[in-house]
Protein backbone atom coordinates (compact mmCIF):
# COMPACT_ATOMS: atom_id res chain seq x y z
CA UNK A 1 8.86 -20.64 11.04
CA UNK A 2 11.20 -17.69 11.64
CA UNK A 3 12.19 -15.37 8.83
CA UNK A 4 15.75 -14.18 8.33
CA UNK A 5 16.11 -10.42 8.43
CA UNK A 6 17.83 -8.66 5.55
CA UNK A 7 20.92 -6.88 6.87
CA UNK A 8 21.42 -3.20 6.01
CA UNK A 9 24.18 -2.24 3.59
CA UNK A 10 26.53 -1.29 6.43
CA UNK A 11 25.82 -3.89 9.09
CA UNK A 12 28.92 -3.02 11.15
CA UNK A 13 27.33 0.15 12.54
CA UNK A 14 23.90 0.52 14.13
CA UNK A 15 21.54 1.97 11.53
CA UNK A 16 20.17 5.43 12.21
CA UNK A 17 16.46 5.39 13.03
CA UNK A 18 14.70 6.47 9.85
CA UNK A 19 11.44 6.16 7.99
CA UNK A 20 9.30 8.97 9.45
CA UNK A 21 6.90 9.80 6.63
CA UNK A 22 4.79 12.97 6.80
CA UNK A 23 2.06 13.84 4.29
CA UNK A 24 0.51 17.14 5.35
CA UNK A 25 -2.55 18.83 3.80
CA UNK A 26 -2.07 16.92 0.53
CA UNK A 27 -4.24 18.18 -2.33
CA UNK A 28 -4.29 16.41 -5.71
CA UNK A 29 -6.64 16.87 -8.64
CA UNK A 30 -7.28 15.60 -12.12
CA UNK A 31 -6.59 17.74 -15.15
CA UNK A 32 -10.30 18.60 -15.36
CA UNK A 33 -10.16 20.19 -11.91
CA UNK A 34 -11.88 17.52 -9.80
CA UNK A 35 -10.01 16.94 -6.56
CA UNK A 36 -8.93 13.42 -5.66
CA UNK A 37 -7.26 14.29 -2.36
CA UNK A 38 -8.47 17.30 -0.41
CA UNK A 39 -6.23 18.20 2.51
CA UNK A 40 -5.19 14.69 3.55
CA UNK A 41 -2.93 14.42 6.60
CA UNK A 42 -1.15 11.12 7.09
CA UNK A 43 1.94 10.63 9.23
CA UNK A 44 3.82 7.34 9.66
CA UNK A 45 6.21 7.02 12.56
CA UNK A 46 9.48 5.20 12.01
CA UNK A 47 8.85 1.45 12.04
CA UNK A 48 5.06 1.80 11.99
CA UNK A 49 2.79 -0.36 9.81
CA UNK A 50 0.00 1.87 8.48
CA UNK A 51 -2.79 0.58 6.23
CA UNK A 52 -5.03 2.86 4.15
CA UNK A 53 -8.55 1.71 3.30
CA UNK A 54 -11.59 3.39 1.82
CA UNK A 55 -14.24 3.15 -0.89
CA UNK A 56 -13.17 2.25 -4.41
CA UNK A 57 -11.81 5.30 -6.17
CA UNK A 58 -11.21 7.24 -2.98
CA UNK A 59 -7.62 8.12 -3.86
CA UNK A 60 -5.69 5.47 -1.91
CA UNK A 61 -3.23 4.74 -4.72
CA UNK A 62 -2.88 8.45 -5.53
CA UNK A 63 -1.82 9.08 -1.93
CA UNK A 64 0.68 6.23 -2.13
CA UNK A 65 2.11 7.67 -5.36
CA UNK A 66 2.58 11.04 -3.66
CA UNK A 67 4.59 9.28 -0.94
CA UNK A 68 6.60 7.49 -3.63
CA UNK A 69 7.36 10.77 -5.39
CA UNK A 70 5.71 9.58 -8.61
CA UNK A 71 2.98 12.23 -8.33
CA UNK A 72 3.59 15.79 -7.18
CA UNK A 73 0.81 17.15 -5.00
CA UNK A 74 -0.93 20.33 -6.12
CA UNK A 75 -0.66 21.61 -2.56
CA UNK A 76 0.64 20.45 0.79
CA UNK A 77 3.96 18.92 1.77
CA UNK A 78 5.43 15.42 1.64
CA UNK A 79 8.59 14.71 3.62
CA UNK A 80 10.65 11.71 4.68
CA UNK A 81 12.79 12.16 7.78
CA UNK A 82 12.29 15.90 7.42
CA UNK A 83 13.49 16.06 3.81
CA UNK A 84 11.08 17.04 0.99
CA UNK A 85 9.97 14.25 -1.34
CA UNK A 86 10.68 15.66 -4.80
CA UNK A 87 10.62 12.42 -6.79
CA UNK A 88 11.28 8.67 -6.57
CA UNK A 89 14.32 7.65 -4.54
CA UNK A 90 16.07 4.63 -3.05
CA UNK A 91 14.81 5.55 0.43
CA UNK A 92 11.34 4.41 -0.70
CA UNK A 93 10.55 1.09 -2.40
CA UNK A 94 7.23 0.22 -4.01
CA UNK A 95 5.58 -3.18 -4.28
CA UNK A 96 2.72 -3.15 -6.81
CA UNK A 97 -0.30 -5.38 -7.32
CA UNK A 98 1.40 -6.66 -10.45
CA UNK A 99 4.85 -7.98 -9.55
CA UNK A 100 6.59 -6.25 -12.48
CA UNK A 101 9.43 -8.79 -12.64
CA UNK A 102 11.64 -9.04 -15.71
CA UNK A 103 10.64 -12.36 -17.35
CA UNK A 104 14.08 -12.91 -18.94
CA UNK A 105 15.83 -12.79 -15.55
CA UNK A 106 15.86 -15.36 -12.77
CA UNK A 107 14.40 -14.62 -9.34
CA UNK A 108 17.86 -13.86 -7.97
CA UNK A 109 18.73 -11.62 -10.95
CA UNK A 110 15.49 -9.68 -10.51
CA UNK A 111 16.35 -9.05 -6.86
CA UNK A 112 19.93 -8.07 -7.76
CA UNK A 113 18.89 -5.68 -10.53
CA UNK A 114 18.41 -2.62 -8.31
CA UNK A 115 21.69 -3.24 -6.50
CA UNK A 116 23.55 -3.37 -9.82
CA UNK A 117 21.92 -0.15 -11.01
CA UNK A 118 22.74 1.63 -7.75
CA UNK A 119 26.40 0.53 -7.84
CA UNK A 120 28.80 0.71 -4.93
CA UNK A 121 28.76 -2.99 -4.03
CA UNK A 122 31.10 -5.74 -5.13
CA UNK A 123 29.72 -8.80 -6.88
CA UNK A 124 30.26 -10.90 -3.75
CA UNK A 125 28.42 -8.35 -1.59
CA UNK A 126 25.51 -8.27 -4.04
CA UNK A 127 25.37 -12.07 -4.04
CA UNK A 128 25.34 -12.14 -0.24
CA UNK A 129 22.52 -9.61 0.03
CA UNK A 130 20.48 -11.36 -2.66
CA UNK A 131 20.90 -14.64 -0.81
CA UNK A 132 19.73 -13.00 2.43
CA UNK A 133 16.75 -11.50 0.60
CA UNK A 134 15.76 -14.87 -0.89
CA UNK A 135 16.07 -16.51 2.53
CA UNK A 136 13.92 -13.79 4.10
CA UNK A 137 10.99 -14.74 1.85
CA UNK A 138 11.65 -18.51 1.95
CA UNK A 139 12.87 -18.76 -1.64
CA UNK A 140 16.52 -19.58 -1.12
CA UNK A 141 16.21 -22.68 -3.30
CA UNK A 142 14.32 -20.88 -6.07
CA UNK A 143 16.83 -18.18 -6.99
CA UNK A 144 17.67 -19.76 -10.35
CA UNK A 145 14.05 -20.08 -11.46
CA UNK A 146 12.69 -17.85 -14.22
CA UNK A 147 9.51 -15.85 -13.61
CA UNK A 148 7.27 -18.26 -15.53
CA UNK A 149 8.43 -21.07 -13.24
CA UNK A 150 7.18 -19.27 -10.12
CA UNK A 151 3.67 -19.35 -8.68
CA UNK A 152 1.75 -16.13 -8.09
CA UNK A 153 2.65 -16.06 -4.43
CA UNK A 154 6.31 -16.73 -5.17
CA UNK A 155 6.39 -13.87 -7.68
CA UNK A 156 5.08 -11.44 -5.09
CA UNK A 157 7.62 -12.68 -2.56
CA UNK A 158 10.37 -12.00 -5.10
CA UNK A 159 8.92 -8.52 -5.61
CA UNK A 160 8.99 -7.90 -1.85
CA UNK A 161 12.57 -9.20 -1.61
CA UNK A 162 13.57 -6.98 -4.56
CA UNK A 163 12.22 -3.97 -2.65
CA UNK A 164 13.74 -4.84 0.72
CA UNK A 165 17.19 -5.74 -0.61
CA UNK A 166 17.72 -2.02 -1.29
CA UNK A 167 17.29 -1.33 2.45
CA UNK A 168 14.70 1.45 1.97
CA UNK A 169 13.50 3.55 4.88
CA UNK A 170 9.87 3.07 3.79
CA UNK A 171 8.14 0.19 2.05
CA UNK A 172 5.12 1.27 -0.01
CA UNK A 173 2.69 -1.52 -0.93
CA UNK A 174 -0.21 -1.07 -3.35
CA UNK A 175 -2.58 -4.03 -2.91
CA UNK A 176 0.28 -6.50 -3.38
CA UNK A 177 -1.85 -9.58 -2.60
CA UNK A 178 -5.07 -8.60 -4.38
CA UNK A 179 -4.59 -10.98 -7.31
CA UNK A 180 -3.78 -14.02 -5.16
CA UNK A 181 -6.11 -16.77 -3.97
CA UNK A 182 -7.31 -16.67 -0.37
CA UNK A 183 -5.03 -19.43 0.88
CA UNK A 184 -1.91 -17.82 -0.60
CA UNK A 185 -2.91 -14.43 0.76
CA UNK A 186 -3.25 -15.84 4.27
CA UNK A 187 0.22 -17.40 4.01
CA UNK A 188 1.78 -14.16 2.78
CA UNK A 189 0.03 -12.15 5.51
CA UNK A 190 1.81 -14.29 8.09
CA UNK A 191 5.15 -14.05 6.29
CA UNK A 192 4.89 -10.28 5.84
CA UNK A 193 4.09 -9.82 9.54
CA UNK A 194 7.15 -11.82 10.55
CA UNK A 195 9.33 -10.05 8.02
CA UNK A 196 8.18 -6.67 9.30
CA UNK A 197 8.88 -7.73 12.90
CA UNK A 198 12.43 -8.62 11.82
CA UNK A 199 13.23 -5.54 9.73
CA UNK A 200 11.22 -2.83 11.55
CA UNK A 201 10.63 -1.00 8.28
CA UNK A 202 8.05 1.74 8.02
CA UNK A 203 5.24 0.32 5.86
CA UNK A 204 2.46 2.24 4.12
CA UNK A 205 0.06 -0.35 2.71
CA UNK A 206 -3.05 0.17 0.57
CA UNK A 207 -5.81 -2.45 0.37
CA UNK A 208 -9.51 -2.98 -0.33
CA UNK A 209 -9.58 -5.90 2.11
CA UNK A 210 -10.71 -4.95 5.60
CA UNK A 211 -9.58 -8.29 7.00
CA UNK A 212 -6.13 -7.79 5.52
CA UNK A 213 -5.94 -4.30 7.02
CA UNK A 214 -6.84 -5.47 10.52
CA UNK A 215 -4.48 -8.40 10.38
CA UNK A 216 -1.46 -6.32 9.35
CA UNK A 217 -1.81 -2.77 10.65
CA UNK A 218 -0.63 -0.89 13.69
CA UNK A 219 -2.99 1.84 12.54
CA UNK A 220 -5.74 1.93 9.92
CA UNK A 221 -6.53 5.15 8.08
CA UNK A 222 -10.03 5.24 6.58
CA UNK A 223 -10.44 7.67 3.68
CA UNK A 224 -13.65 9.35 2.66
CA UNK A 225 -14.54 9.63 -1.02
CA UNK A 226 -15.03 12.33 -3.66
CA UNK A 227 -12.69 13.96 -2.70
CA UNK A 228 -10.66 12.01 -0.16
CA UNK A 229 -10.11 13.22 3.36
CA UNK A 230 -9.18 11.23 6.44
CA UNK A 231 -12.51 10.01 7.80
CA UNK A 232 -11.14 8.10 10.80
CA UNK A 233 -7.98 6.56 12.20
CA UNK A 234 -8.17 3.30 14.15
CA UNK A 235 -5.25 2.02 16.20
CA UNK A 236 -4.83 -1.76 16.43
CA UNK A 237 -3.19 -2.54 19.77
CA UNK A 238 -2.74 -6.27 19.20
CA UNK A 239 0.63 -8.07 19.15
CA UNK A 240 2.10 -9.52 15.96
CA UNK A 241 1.77 -12.07 14.50
CA UNK A 242 -2.01 -12.05 14.80
CA UNK A 243 -4.49 -14.88 14.88
CA UNK A 244 -7.06 -13.99 12.25
CA UNK A 245 -9.72 -16.09 13.98
CA UNK A 246 -9.53 -14.26 17.32
CA UNK A 247 -12.66 -12.43 18.61
CA UNK A 248 -10.74 -9.15 18.78
CA UNK A 249 -9.90 -9.35 15.08
CA UNK A 250 -13.54 -10.02 14.23
CA UNK A 251 -14.73 -7.01 16.22
CA UNK A 252 -12.19 -4.71 14.55
CA UNK A 253 -13.09 -6.00 11.10
CA UNK A 254 -16.73 -5.18 11.83
CA UNK A 255 -15.79 -1.67 13.02
CA UNK A 256 -13.68 -0.82 9.96
CA UNK A 257 -16.18 -2.36 7.55
CA UNK A 258 -18.97 -0.28 9.10
CA UNK A 259 -16.91 2.90 8.60
CA UNK A 260 -16.43 2.12 4.91
CA UNK A 261 -20.07 1.09 4.41
CA UNK A 262 -21.27 4.33 6.01
CA UNK A 263 -19.01 6.32 3.70
CA UNK A 264 -20.24 4.43 0.63
CA UNK A 265 -23.86 4.97 1.70
CA UNK A 266 -23.17 8.68 2.23
CA UNK A 267 -21.73 9.03 -1.28
CA UNK A 268 -24.56 7.02 -2.85
CA UNK A 269 -27.17 9.14 -1.08
CA UNK A 270 -25.49 12.31 -2.32
CA UNK A 271 -25.36 10.99 -5.87
CA UNK A 272 -29.01 9.93 -5.69
CA UNK A 273 -29.93 13.49 -4.73
CA UNK A 274 -28.14 14.79 -7.81
CA UNK A 275 -30.05 12.60 -10.28
CA UNK A 276 -32.03 14.57 -12.83
CA UNK A 277 -35.79 14.41 -12.36
CA UNK A 278 -38.42 15.93 -14.72
CA UNK A 279 -40.36 18.81 -13.22
CA UNK A 280 -44.13 18.54 -13.09
CA UNK A 281 -45.78 20.47 -15.97
CA UNK A 282 -47.66 23.68 -15.20
CA UNK A 283 -51.42 23.27 -15.35
CA UNK A 284 -52.65 23.48 -18.94
CA UNK A 285 -49.25 22.66 -20.43
CA UNK A 286 -48.10 19.41 -21.95
CA UNK A 287 -45.37 17.38 -20.29
CA UNK A 288 -43.00 17.90 -23.21
CA UNK A 289 -42.84 14.16 -23.86
CA UNK A 290 -45.89 14.06 -26.16
CA UNK A 291 -49.58 14.07 -25.39
CA UNK A 292 -51.19 10.92 -24.16
CA UNK A 293 -47.94 9.41 -22.86
């Protein structure tokens, strides 16, 4: 099944190559002073599909929010096509784990919402682009349905279409399939791969699923934990779409999983060394916990 690409706003001229995302020496911390990100370098070439993985709490979503402009880094620089990222903008679109659709609007109206807010397009142009967006995610016949009439997978496809209809340079995805059942996730993996092959968008994708990372990514970035640094980058030189059952996929899944497991074990060993232990009492002294105990 071939997906229909969403056409850019001005389809009469060849679009300028865009979407080069550069996060250099990014430092972010909590209000208490603990660092979440400690000098993270992550660059995405235009049209590249990059997936970030790492232990739970390693700062994956924080890094994504820096790229989105929703969090300002304490230090370092974030740029898109050479321009500083100073806040959210239409050149970056986010797809969250929760779809965030307006329940009182239909699928088509949810997709159209951003276009209406941005202005500059006639009603007929908006309708055409919404129709293309619905077709791109195989929901052309579901545009009139309200959110409660859509399945979980359909809701996430609407969320993806809502992001892509704005023709962003970069698509940011924060575990968009985490809440879906395994069968639906597999289906959406295939559809997202085909959609990416059609649109050539730069994608920065965060996930806890190693299998998902290997199936989708051109390059996997493994973060360390507490605080996060780039532990390793792994390039996936396999053509899209990928057969998840291939031996190459299995070997790469094992490699990435081992990297994460080693990082988790390293953190656990460090924490175990920090546990408080009572010191042995000096000869002739009581233990401090009461005699005879």
